[in-house]
Amino acid sequence: MSNLAPLVTASAVTMTSLELVEVINSERGEAGAKLAHSDLLKKVPQVLGRDAGNFSSVYRGGNGQERPCYRFPKREACLMAMSYSYELQAKVFDRMSELETVTAGGRFYVPQTMPEALRLAADLADQNKVLTEQVETMTPKVEALTRIALADGSMCIQSAAKHLQIQPKKLFLWLSEHEWIYRRAGGTGWLGYQSRIQSGLLEHKVTTVERSDGSEKMVEQCRITPRGLSKLAELLNEKEAA
């Protein structure tokens, strides 16, 4: 996997030391002495001083091994270019300014050389891998919520709190504050708002409760449906993220 960031990002334009070497050699032409990447690496600390380490990066060579390089913002790329010639500095400045204009305009950056195209392809592959890993991480959670939403039956609020990993007292309070449940004046049991029941988030069931003397009584209990549990998980996650 390449560790080089894209040449154009949403926040800044950068130029790698590899690309800078390519620009320098292109400027020198066929007759000029070619600059080796290793020679430019030696010069970076001389030009940028102790700040050079802030721009260190790595790339993978043809054998797959990581090798050192630098990734320069516009200012540092121009300083490095100026250490070779003012003409080269102007060329680098113009090139990066053009890329900034392209980025600001929301247009796609088109690589001008094969090395640029290969590096851009590798960077896009890295970004795609990161997105794929994020999707793979989220998939089990999404599938779990889907299974809950499609399951049969309902559960009492205490059991729902256990599934949601929240204290029952806090869940009762949240449901009351967000108009899921309420109590009638003088009543002790919780009831669900009709709108939540019609939406399939809550339901009422008559259950049998044993009294302290051993006798039984029938009571109406507000219960959370699988769809309601899935919705609660979504809402509570949004609350935590905020």
C-alpha atoms as a PDB file:
ATOM      1  CA  MET A   1       0.000   0.000   0.000  1.00  0.00           C
ATOM      2  CA  SER A   2       1.379   3.425  -0.955  1.00  0.00           C
ATOM      3  CA  ASN A   3       1.783   5.895   1.878  1.00  0.00           C
ATOM      4  CA  LEU A   4       1.907   8.896  -0.439  1.00  0.00           C
ATOM      5  CA  ALA A   5      -1.063  11.207  -0.020  1.00  0.00           C
ATOM      6  CA  PRO A   6      -2.862  12.414  -3.144  1.00  0.00           C
ATOM      7  CA  LEU A   7      -1.150  15.251  -4.973  1.00  0.00           C
ATOM      8  CA  VAL A   8      -4.390  17.197  -4.555  1.00  0.00           C
ATOM      9  CA  THR A   9      -6.438  16.977  -1.361  1.00  0.00           C
ATOM     10  CA  ALA A  10      -9.569  18.755  -0.218  1.00  0.00           C
ATOM     11  CA  SER A  11      -7.489  21.086   2.004  1.00  0.00           C
ATOM     12  CA  ALA A  12      -4.086  21.528   0.297  1.00  0.00           C
ATOM     13  CA  VAL A  13      -1.941  20.856  -2.732  1.00  0.00           C
ATOM     14  CA  THR A  14       1.316  18.985  -2.136  1.00  0.00           C
ATOM     15  CA  MET A  15       4.258  17.886  -4.228  1.00  0.00           C
ATOM     16  CA  THR A  16       6.337  14.827  -3.400  1.00  0.00           C
ATOM     17  CA  SER A  17      10.114  14.837  -3.605  1.00  0.00           C
ATOM     18  CA  LEU A  18       9.790  12.239  -6.366  1.00  0.00           C
ATOM     19  CA  GLU A  19       7.700  14.590  -8.447  1.00  0.00           C
ATOM     20  CA  LEU A  20      10.023  17.496  -7.706  1.00  0.00           C
ATOM     21  CA  VAL A  21      12.957  15.462  -9.029  1.00  0.00           C
ATOM     22  CA  GLU A  22      10.932  14.726 -12.144  1.00  0.00           C
ATOM     23  CA  VAL A  23      10.192  18.432 -12.650  1.00  0.00           C
ATOM     24  CA  ILE A  24      13.870  19.327 -12.185  1.00  0.00           C
ATOM     25  CA  ASN A  25      15.055  16.706 -14.658  1.00  0.00           C
ATOM     26  CA  SER A  26      12.386  17.737 -17.144  1.00  0.00           C
ATOM     27  CA  GLU A  27      13.591  21.322 -16.893  1.00  0.00           C
ATOM     28  CA  ARG A  28      17.199  20.271 -17.474  1.00  0.00           C
ATOM     29  CA  GLY A  29      16.286  18.385 -20.637  1.00  0.00           C
ATOM     30  CA  GLU A  30      18.032  15.453 -22.261  1.00  0.00           C
ATOM     31  CA  ALA A  31      21.440  17.110 -22.270  1.00  0.00           C
ATOM     32  CA  GLY A  32      21.484  18.066 -18.610  1.00  0.00           C
ATOM     33  CA  ALA A  33      22.808  15.949 -15.732  1.00  0.00           C
ATOM     34  CA  LYS A  34      19.971  14.040 -14.154  1.00  0.00           C
ATOM     35  CA  LEU A  35      19.262  14.627 -10.478  1.00  0.00           C
ATOM     36  CA  ALA A  36      18.953  11.491  -8.361  1.00  0.00           C
ATOM     37  CA  HIS A  37      16.197  11.322  -5.774  1.00  0.00           C
ATOM     38  CA  SER A  38      18.742  10.334  -3.134  1.00  0.00           C
ATOM     39  CA  ASP A  39      20.707  13.555  -3.794  1.00  0.00           C
ATOM     40  CA  LEU A  40      17.595  15.679  -3.341  1.00  0.00           C
ATOM     41  CA  LEU A  41      16.846  13.888  -0.060  1.00  0.00           C
ATOM     42  CA  LYS A  42      20.289  14.889   1.242  1.00  0.00           C
ATOM     43  CA  LYS A  43      19.668  18.507   0.318  1.00  0.00           C
ATOM     44  CA  VAL A  44      16.278  18.874   1.993  1.00  0.00           C
ATOM     45  CA  PRO A  45      17.657  19.324   5.576  1.00  0.00           C
ATOM     46  CA  GLN A  46      20.161  21.865   4.248  1.00  0.00           C
ATOM     47  CA  VAL A  47      17.389  23.984   2.722  1.00  0.00           C
ATOM     48  CA  LEU A  48      14.541  23.498   5.199  1.00  0.00           C
ATOM     49  CA  GLY A  49      16.639  23.050   8.336  1.00  0.00           C
ATOM     50  CA  ARG A  50      15.087  21.395  11.370  1.00  0.00           C
ATOM     51  CA  ASP A  51      11.612  21.727   9.859  1.00  0.00           C
ATOM     52  CA  ALA A  52      12.518  19.124   7.217  1.00  0.00           C
ATOM     53  CA  GLY A  53      11.278  16.269   9.401  1.00  0.00           C
ATOM     54  CA  ASN A  54       7.772  17.724   9.360  1.00  0.00           C
ATOM     55  CA  PHE A  55       7.452  16.746   5.706  1.00  0.00           C
ATOM     56  CA  SER A  56       8.908  13.233   5.859  1.00  0.00           C
ATOM     57  CA  SER A  57       6.954  10.451   4.197  1.00  0.00           C
ATOM     58  CA  VAL A  58       7.529   7.062   2.590  1.00  0.00           C
ATOM     59  CA  TYR A  59       6.645   5.315  -0.634  1.00  0.00           C
ATOM     60  CA  ARG A  60       6.929   1.753  -1.876  1.00  0.00           C
ATOM     61  CA  GLY A  61       9.552   1.041  -4.487  1.00  0.00           C
ATOM     62  CA  GLY A  62       9.335  -1.456  -7.294  1.00  0.00           C
ATOM     63  CA  ASN A  63      10.281  -4.294  -4.936  1.00  0.00           C
ATOM     64  CA  GLY A  64       7.511  -3.368  -2.505  1.00  0.00           C
ATOM     65  CA  GLN A  65       9.881  -2.064   0.173  1.00  0.00           C
ATOM     66  CA  GLU A  66       9.223   1.255   1.874  1.00  0.00           C
ATOM     67  CA  ARG A  67      11.614   4.053   0.938  1.00  0.00           C
ATOM     68  CA  PRO A  68      11.941   7.577   2.318  1.00  0.00           C
ATOM     69  CA  CYS A  69      10.665  10.640   0.546  1.00  0.00           C
ATOM     70  CA  TYR A  70       9.202  14.044   1.355  1.00  0.00           C
ATOM     71  CA  ARG A  71       5.804  15.570   0.705  1.00  0.00           C
ATOM     72  CA  PHE A  72       6.069  19.341   0.408  1.00  0.00           C
ATOM     73  CA  PRO A  73       3.363  21.991   0.753  1.00  0.00           C
ATOM     74  CA  LYS A  74       3.573  24.824  -1.753  1.00  0.00           C
ATOM     75  CA  ARG A  75       5.964  27.011   0.276  1.00  0.00           C
ATOM     76  CA  GLU A  76       8.486  24.256   0.944  1.00  0.00           C
ATOM     77  CA  ALA A  77       8.301  22.940  -2.628  1.00  0.00           C
ATOM     78  CA  CYS A  78       9.145  26.424  -3.900  1.00  0.00           C
ATOM     79  CA  LEU A  79      12.036  26.773  -1.436  1.00  0.00           C
ATOM     80  CA  MET A  80      13.490  23.479  -2.611  1.00  0.00           C
ATOM     81  CA  ALA A  81      13.063  24.467  -6.248  1.00  0.00           C
ATOM     82  CA  MET A  82      14.655  27.877  -5.627  1.00  0.00           C
ATOM     83  CA  SER A  83      17.760  26.139  -4.246  1.00  0.00           C
ATOM     84  CA  TYR A  84      18.351  24.906  -7.808  1.00  0.00           C
ATOM     85  CA  SER A  85      17.238  27.925  -9.822  1.00  0.00           C
ATOM     86  CA  TYR A  86      14.795  30.819  -9.819  1.00  0.00           C
ATOM     87  CA  GLU A  87      13.362  29.557 -13.104  1.00  0.00           C
ATOM     88  CA  LEU A  88      12.592  26.216 -11.511  1.00  0.00           C
ATOM     89  CA  GLN A  89      11.013  27.939  -8.525  1.00  0.00           C
ATOM     90  CA  ALA A  90       8.710  29.855 -10.855  1.00  0.00           C
ATOM     91  CA  LYS A  91       7.733  26.656 -12.659  1.00  0.00           C
ATOM     92  CA  VAL A  92       6.906  24.839  -9.420  1.00  0.00           C
ATOM     93  CA  PHE A  93       4.989  27.856  -8.118  1.00  0.00           C
ATOM     94  CA  ASP A  94       2.933  28.102 -11.320  1.00  0.00           C
ATOM     95  CA  ARG A  95       2.256  24.363 -11.359  1.00  0.00           C
ATOM     96  CA  MET A  96       1.026  24.219  -7.761  1.00  0.00           C
ATOM     97  CA  SER A  97      -1.004  27.403  -8.176  1.00  0.00           C
ATOM     98  CA  GLU A  98      -2.745  25.804 -11.145  1.00  0.00           C
ATOM     99  CA  LEU A  99      -3.548  22.733  -9.047  1.00  0.00           C
ATOM    100  CA  GLU A 100      -4.957  24.983  -6.299  1.00  0.00           C
ATOM    101  CA  THR A 101      -7.228  26.623  -8.853  1.00  0.00           C
ATOM    102  CA  VAL A 102      -8.382  23.232 -10.124  1.00  0.00           C
ATOM    103  CA  THR A 103      -9.114  22.070  -6.582  1.00  0.00           C
ATOM    104  CA  ALA A 104     -10.973  25.255  -5.656  1.00  0.00           C
ATOM    105  CA  GLY A 105     -13.083  24.929  -8.790  1.00  0.00           C
ATOM    106  CA  GLY A 106     -14.124  21.403  -7.868  1.00  0.00           C
ATOM    107  CA  ARG A 107     -12.712  19.933 -11.094  1.00  0.00           C
ATOM    108  CA  PHE A 108     -10.807  16.696 -11.423  1.00  0.00           C
ATOM    109  CA  TYR A 109      -7.019  16.739 -11.491  1.00  0.00           C
ATOM    110  CA  VAL A 110      -5.624  15.079 -14.626  1.00  0.00           C
ATOM    111  CA  PRO A 111      -2.087  13.647 -14.215  1.00  0.00           C
ATOM    112  CA  GLN A 112       0.337  15.032 -16.768  1.00  0.00           C
ATOM    113  CA  THR A 113       2.933  12.233 -16.656  1.00  0.00           C
ATOM    114  CA  MET A 114       2.963   8.468 -16.187  1.00  0.00           C
ATOM    115  CA  PRO A 115       4.604   8.654 -12.695  1.00  0.00           C
ATOM    116  CA  GLU A 116       1.904  11.103 -11.590  1.00  0.00           C
ATOM    117  CA  ALA A 117      -0.795   8.817 -12.961  1.00  0.00           C
ATOM    118  CA  LEU A 118       0.664   5.767 -11.219  1.00  0.00           C
ATOM    119  CA  ARG A 119       0.979   7.587  -7.898  1.00  0.00           C
ATOM    120  CA  LEU A 120      -2.525   8.989  -8.171  1.00  0.00           C
ATOM    121  CA  ALA A 121      -3.870   5.504  -8.972  1.00  0.00           C
ATOM    122  CA  ALA A 122      -2.080   4.067  -5.937  1.00  0.00           C
ATOM    123  CA  ASP A 123      -3.422   6.827  -3.693  1.00  0.00           C
ATOM    124  CA  LEU A 124      -6.981   6.305  -4.939  1.00  0.00           C
ATOM    125  CA  ALA A 125      -6.578   2.580  -4.277  1.00  0.00           C
ATOM    126  CA  ASP A 126      -5.475   3.381  -0.719  1.00  0.00           C
ATOM    127  CA  GLN A 127      -8.498   5.621  -0.205  1.00  0.00           C
ATOM    128  CA  ASN A 128     -10.773   2.923  -1.570  1.00  0.00           C
ATOM    129  CA  LYS A 129      -9.238   0.386   0.816  1.00  0.00           C
ATOM    130  CA  VAL A 130      -9.850   2.685   3.777  1.00  0.00           C
ATOM    131  CA  LEU A 131     -13.496   3.164   2.752  1.00  0.00           C
ATOM    132  CA  THR A 132     -13.876  -0.593   2.255  1.00  0.00           C
ATOM    133  CA  GLU A 133     -12.491  -1.260   5.732  1.00  0.00           C
ATOM    134  CA  GLN A 134     -14.908   1.280   7.222  1.00  0.00           C
ATOM    135  CA  VAL A 135     -17.831  -0.378   5.454  1.00  0.00           C
ATOM    136  CA  GLU A 136     -16.695  -3.811   6.647  1.00  0.00           C
ATOM    137  CA  THR A 137     -16.495  -2.481  10.203  1.00  0.00           C
ATOM    138  CA  MET A 138     -20.001  -1.048  10.050  1.00  0.00           C
ATOM    139  CA  THR A 139     -21.611  -4.003   8.254  1.00  0.00           C
ATOM    140  CA  PRO A 140     -22.013  -6.266  11.344  1.00  0.00           C
ATOM    141  CA  LYS A 141     -23.659  -3.405  13.245  1.00  0.00           C
ATOM    142  CA  VAL A 142     -26.011  -2.642  10.373  1.00  0.00           C
ATOM    143  CA  GLU A 143     -26.886  -6.323   9.946  1.00  0.00           C
ATOM    144  CA  ALA A 144     -27.541  -6.645  13.680  1.00  0.00           C
ATOM    145  CA  LEU A 145     -29.928  -3.689  13.649  1.00  0.00           C
ATOM    146  CA  THR A 146     -31.624  -5.092  10.567  1.00  0.00           C
ATOM    147  CA  ARG A 147     -32.156  -8.465  12.261  1.00  0.00           C
ATOM    148  CA  ILE A 148     -33.617  -6.689  15.293  1.00  0.00           C
ATOM    149  CA  ALA A 149     -35.937  -4.618  13.138  1.00  0.00           C
ATOM    150  CA  LEU A 150     -37.233  -7.697  11.324  1.00  0.00           C
ATOM    151  CA  ALA A 151     -37.527  -9.923  14.392  1.00  0.00           C
ATOM    152  CA  ASP A 152     -40.852 -10.992  15.847  1.00  0.00           C
ATOM    153  CA  GLY A 153     -42.117 -10.087  19.281  1.00  0.00           C
ATOM    154  CA  SER A 154     -41.450  -7.169  21.603  1.00  0.00           C
ATOM    155  CA  MET A 155     -39.728  -6.581  24.921  1.00  0.00           C
ATOM    156  CA  CYS A 156     -40.296  -4.572  28.054  1.00  0.00           C
ATOM    157  CA  ILE A 157     -38.430  -1.307  28.487  1.00  0.00           C
ATOM    158  CA  GLN A 158     -36.054  -2.817  31.075  1.00  0.00           C
ATOM    159  CA  SER A 159     -34.993  -5.522  28.626  1.00  0.00           C
ATOM    160  CA  ALA A 160     -34.656  -2.955  25.848  1.00  0.00           C
ATOM    161  CA  ALA A 161     -32.334  -0.904  28.064  1.00  0.00           C
ATOM    162  CA  LYS A 162     -30.132  -3.968  28.494  1.00  0.00           C
ATOM    163  CA  HIS A 163     -29.895  -4.470  24.732  1.00  0.00           C
ATOM    164  CA  LEU A 164     -29.117  -0.779  24.221  1.00  0.00           C
ATOM    165  CA  GLN A 165     -26.536  -0.820  27.014  1.00  0.00           C
ATOM    166  CA  ILE A 166     -28.167   2.032  28.880  1.00  0.00           C
ATOM    167  CA  GLN A 167     -29.513   2.243  32.421  1.00  0.00           C
ATOM    168  CA  PRO A 168     -33.268   1.534  32.544  1.00  0.00           C
ATOM    169  CA  LYS A 169     -33.853   4.749  34.504  1.00  0.00           C
ATOM    170  CA  LYS A 170     -32.175   6.793  31.768  1.00  0.00           C
ATOM    171  CA  LEU A 171     -34.103   5.029  29.032  1.00  0.00           C
ATOM    172  CA  PHE A 172     -37.439   5.648  30.783  1.00  0.00           C
ATOM    173  CA  LEU A 173     -36.469   9.321  31.150  1.00  0.00           C
ATOM    174  CA  TRP A 174     -35.420   9.614  27.501  1.00  0.00           C
ATOM    175  CA  LEU A 175     -38.602   7.969  26.261  1.00  0.00           C
ATOM    176  CA  SER A 176     -40.693  10.285  28.406  1.00  0.00           C
ATOM    177  CA  GLU A 177     -38.832  13.449  27.350  1.00  0.00           C
ATOM    178  CA  HIS A 178     -39.091  12.538  23.662  1.00  0.00           C
ATOM    179  CA  GLU A 179     -42.809  11.688  23.834  1.00  0.00           C
ATOM    180  CA  TRP A 180     -42.624   7.956  23.415  1.00  0.00           C
ATOM    181  CA  ILE A 181     -44.279   7.122  26.743  1.00  0.00           C
ATOM    182  CA  TYR A 182     -46.343   8.916  29.391  1.00  0.00           C
ATOM    183  CA  ARG A 183     -48.288   8.303  32.577  1.00  0.00           C
ATOM    184  CA  ARG A 184     -51.938   9.127  33.138  1.00  0.00           C
ATOM    185  CA  ALA A 185     -52.678  11.413  36.048  1.00  0.00           C
ATOM    186  CA  GLY A 186     -52.698   9.267  39.175  1.00  0.00           C
ATOM    187  CA  GLY A 187     -51.519   6.227  37.238  1.00  0.00           C
ATOM    188  CA  THR A 188     -48.413   4.183  37.986  1.00  0.00           C
ATOM    189  CA  GLY A 189     -47.834   2.407  34.696  1.00  0.00           C
ATOM    190  CA  TRP A 190     -46.322   3.783  31.524  1.00  0.00           C
ATOM    191  CA  LEU A 191     -48.345   4.062  28.342  1.00  0.00           C
ATOM    192  CA  GLY A 192     -47.150   4.623  24.781  1.00  0.00           C
ATOM    193  CA  TYR A 193     -48.181   7.605  22.716  1.00  0.00           C
ATOM    194  CA  GLN A 194     -50.608   6.619  19.999  1.00  0.00           C
ATOM    195  CA  SER A 195     -48.365   8.041  17.280  1.00  0.00           C
ATOM    196  CA  ARG A 196     -45.533   5.714  18.354  1.00  0.00           C
ATOM    197  CA  ILE A 197     -47.883   2.756  18.412  1.00  0.00           C
ATOM    198  CA  GLN A 198     -49.223   3.546  14.949  1.00  0.00           C
ATOM    199  CA  SER A 199     -45.635   3.838  13.693  1.00  0.00           C
ATOM    200  CA  GLY A 200     -44.929   0.320  14.942  1.00  0.00           C
ATOM    201  CA  LEU A 201     -42.345   1.467  17.489  1.00  0.00           C
ATOM    202  CA  LEU A 202     -44.358   0.533  20.592  1.00  0.00           C
ATOM    203  CA  GLU A 203     -47.191  -1.772  21.468  1.00  0.00           C
ATOM    204  CA  HIS A 204     -49.367  -2.548  24.486  1.00  0.00           C
ATOM    205  CA  LYS A 205     -49.754  -6.059  25.803  1.00  0.00           C
ATOM    206  CA  VAL A 206     -51.771  -7.434  28.643  1.00  0.00           C
ATOM    207  CA  THR A 207     -49.594  -9.485  30.994  1.00  0.00           C
ATOM    208  CA  THR A 208     -50.154 -11.349  34.228  1.00  0.00           C
ATOM    209  CA  VAL A 209     -48.405 -10.047  37.347  1.00  0.00           C
ATOM    210  CA  GLU A 210     -48.229 -11.948  40.599  1.00  0.00           C
ATOM    211  CA  ARG A 211     -49.191 -10.019  43.733  1.00  0.00           C
ATOM    212  CA  SER A 212     -47.301 -10.301  47.019  1.00  0.00           C
ATOM    213  CA  ASP A 213     -50.040 -12.531  48.412  1.00  0.00           C
ATOM    214  CA  GLY A 214     -49.647 -15.007  45.564  1.00  0.00           C
ATOM    215  CA  SER A 215     -52.706 -13.918  43.622  1.00  0.00           C
ATOM    216  CA  GLU A 216     -52.488 -12.682  40.043  1.00  0.00           C
ATOM    217  CA  LYS A 217     -53.710  -9.577  38.285  1.00  0.00           C
ATOM    218  CA  MET A 218     -53.875  -8.521  34.663  1.00  0.00           C
ATOM    219  CA  VAL A 219     -51.996  -5.335  33.735  1.00  0.00           C
ATOM    220  CA  GLU A 220     -51.357  -3.498  30.481  1.00  0.00           C
ATOM    221  CA  GLN A 221     -47.653  -3.112  29.707  1.00  0.00           C
ATOM    222  CA  CYS A 222     -45.982  -0.788  27.196  1.00  0.00           C
ATOM    223  CA  ARG A 223     -43.431  -2.736  25.188  1.00  0.00           C
ATOM    224  CA  ILE A 224     -40.855  -1.808  22.569  1.00  0.00           C
ATOM    225  CA  THR A 225     -41.108  -3.569  19.226  1.00  0.00           C
ATOM    226  CA  PRO A 226     -38.062  -4.750  17.242  1.00  0.00           C
ATOM    227  CA  ARG A 227     -38.555  -1.794  14.921  1.00  0.00           C
ATOM    228  CA  GLY A 228     -38.686   0.537  17.915  1.00  0.00           C
ATOM    229  CA  LEU A 229     -35.487  -0.932  19.349  1.00  0.00           C
ATOM    230  CA  SER A 230     -33.699  -0.425  16.045  1.00  0.00           C
ATOM    231  CA  LYS A 231     -34.928   3.178  15.901  1.00  0.00           C
ATOM    232  CA  LEU A 232     -33.820   3.826  19.477  1.00  0.00           C
ATOM    233  CA  ALA A 233     -30.347   2.465  18.754  1.00  0.00           C
ATOM    234  CA  GLU A 234     -30.083   4.863  15.815  1.00  0.00           C
ATOM    235  CA  LEU A 235     -31.300   7.877  17.803  1.00  0.00           C
ATOM    236  CA  LEU A 236     -29.107   7.173  20.822  1.00  0.00           C
ATOM    237  CA  ASN A 237     -26.042   6.738  18.617  1.00  0.00           C
ATOM    238  CA  GLU A 238     -26.754  10.118  17.022  1.00  0.00           C
ATOM    239  CA  LYS A 239     -26.997  11.645  20.484  1.00  0.00           C
ATOM    240  CA  GLU A 240     -23.616  10.216  21.493  1.00  0.00           C
ATOM    241  CA  ALA A 241     -21.994  11.378  18.249  1.00  0.00           C
ATOM    242  CA  ALA A 242     -23.278  14.905  18.813  1.00  0.00           C
END
